[in-house]
Amino acid sequence: MYDKMCIDTFLERQEQLFYEPVAQTPEEAEEFLEDCMAYVCKNIREVRAYFEEVGVDIAGMSNEELAAAQEVFDLPDGRYLIVEG
């Protein structure tokens, strides 16, 4: 369900969200992302829409602040991976 870029980015940067690694291999990372129902957004507008839909108070947050949220992983191709821990 998650492509290699999502899995590799999460695996490399998972400690931005967790104090210690939750996955050691790409397979474990993919399983973790599936278990927590991580969401992939095409752009920052979709990130904003996602947070609004799930009821997160993001009023007054800039796009830069949203992109810097610890549960938001910016992907090299411009997409975003949202992982709720």
Protein backbone atom coordinates (compact mmCIF):
# COMPACT_ATOMS: atom_id res chain seq x y z
CA MET A 1 0.00 0.00 0.00
CA TYR A 2 2.88 2.39 0.75
CA ASP A 3 5.54 2.93 -1.88
CA LYS A 4 9.28 2.62 -1.30
CA MET A 5 9.71 6.37 -0.83
CA CYS A 6 7.14 6.46 2.00
CA ILE A 7 8.63 3.44 3.71
CA ASP A 8 12.24 4.58 3.38
CA THR A 9 11.47 8.12 4.57
CA PHE A 10 9.58 6.86 7.61
CA LEU A 11 12.28 4.33 8.42
CA GLU A 12 15.03 6.97 8.22
CA ARG A 13 13.16 9.70 10.13
CA GLN A 14 10.83 7.83 12.51
CA GLU A 15 12.55 9.37 15.53
CA GLN A 16 11.03 12.75 14.67
CA LEU A 17 7.79 11.25 16.04
CA PHE A 18 8.95 8.50 18.41
CA TYR A 19 11.63 8.51 21.11
CA GLU A 20 12.97 5.19 19.89
CA PRO A 21 12.64 3.31 16.61
CA VAL A 22 9.40 1.40 16.06
CA ALA A 23 10.73 -0.40 12.95
CA GLN A 24 14.12 -1.78 11.97
CA THR A 25 13.42 -3.04 8.45
CA PRO A 26 11.37 -1.81 5.49
CA GLU A 27 8.92 -4.66 6.10
CA GLU A 28 8.43 -3.61 9.74
CA ALA A 29 8.05 0.03 8.68
CA GLU A 30 5.38 -0.86 6.12
CA GLU A 31 3.52 -2.99 8.67
CA PHE A 32 3.66 -0.15 11.20
CA LEU A 33 2.35 2.37 8.66
CA GLU A 34 -0.50 0.01 7.77
CA ASP A 35 -1.34 -0.64 11.44
CA CYS A 36 -1.56 3.06 12.29
CA MET A 37 -3.31 3.84 8.98
CA ALA A 38 -0.78 6.44 7.90
CA TYR A 39 -2.08 8.76 5.20
CA VAL A 40 -0.29 10.02 2.10
CA CYS A 41 -1.16 13.52 0.86
CA LYS A 42 -0.32 14.91 -2.57
CA ASN A 43 0.35 18.42 -1.25
CA ILE A 44 0.11 20.67 1.80
CA ARG A 45 -3.54 21.52 1.00
CA GLU A 46 -4.40 17.85 1.46
CA VAL A 47 -2.48 17.83 4.75
CA ARG A 48 -4.60 20.76 5.94
CA ALA A 49 -7.81 19.08 4.76
CA TYR A 50 -6.84 15.82 6.49
CA PHE A 51 -6.24 17.52 9.83
CA GLU A 52 -9.48 19.49 9.55
CA GLU A 53 -11.41 16.31 8.70
CA VAL A 54 -10.10 14.41 11.72
CA GLY A 55 -10.78 17.37 14.02
CA VAL A 56 -7.27 18.62 14.79
CA ASP A 57 -7.24 22.31 15.74
CA ILE A 58 -4.96 23.86 13.13
CA ALA A 59 -6.57 27.30 13.08
CA GLY A 60 -3.96 29.94 12.47
CA MET A 61 -1.23 27.49 11.47
CA SER A 62 0.74 28.38 8.37
CA ASN A 63 1.57 25.79 5.72
CA GLU A 64 5.16 25.82 6.97
CA GLU A 65 4.01 25.06 10.52
CA LEU A 66 1.82 22.22 9.25
CA ALA A 67 4.68 20.75 7.25
CA ALA A 68 6.91 20.93 10.33
CA ALA A 69 4.46 19.08 12.60
CA GLN A 70 6.12 16.01 14.08
CA GLU A 71 3.57 13.62 12.57
CA VAL A 72 4.07 15.03 9.07
CA PHE A 73 6.92 13.57 7.03
CA ASP A 74 7.75 15.50 3.87
CA LEU A 75 8.64 13.14 1.06
CA PRO A 76 11.34 13.91 -1.53
CA ASP A 77 8.78 14.08 -4.35
CA GLY A 78 6.70 16.81 -2.66
CA ARG A 79 4.08 14.57 -1.08
CA TYR A 80 3.52 14.24 2.67
CA LEU A 81 3.12 11.19 4.87
CA ILE A 82 1.03 11.67 8.01
CA VAL A 83 1.71 9.19 10.78
CA GLU A 84 -0.35 9.43 13.93
CA GLY A 85 1.50 7.85 16.82
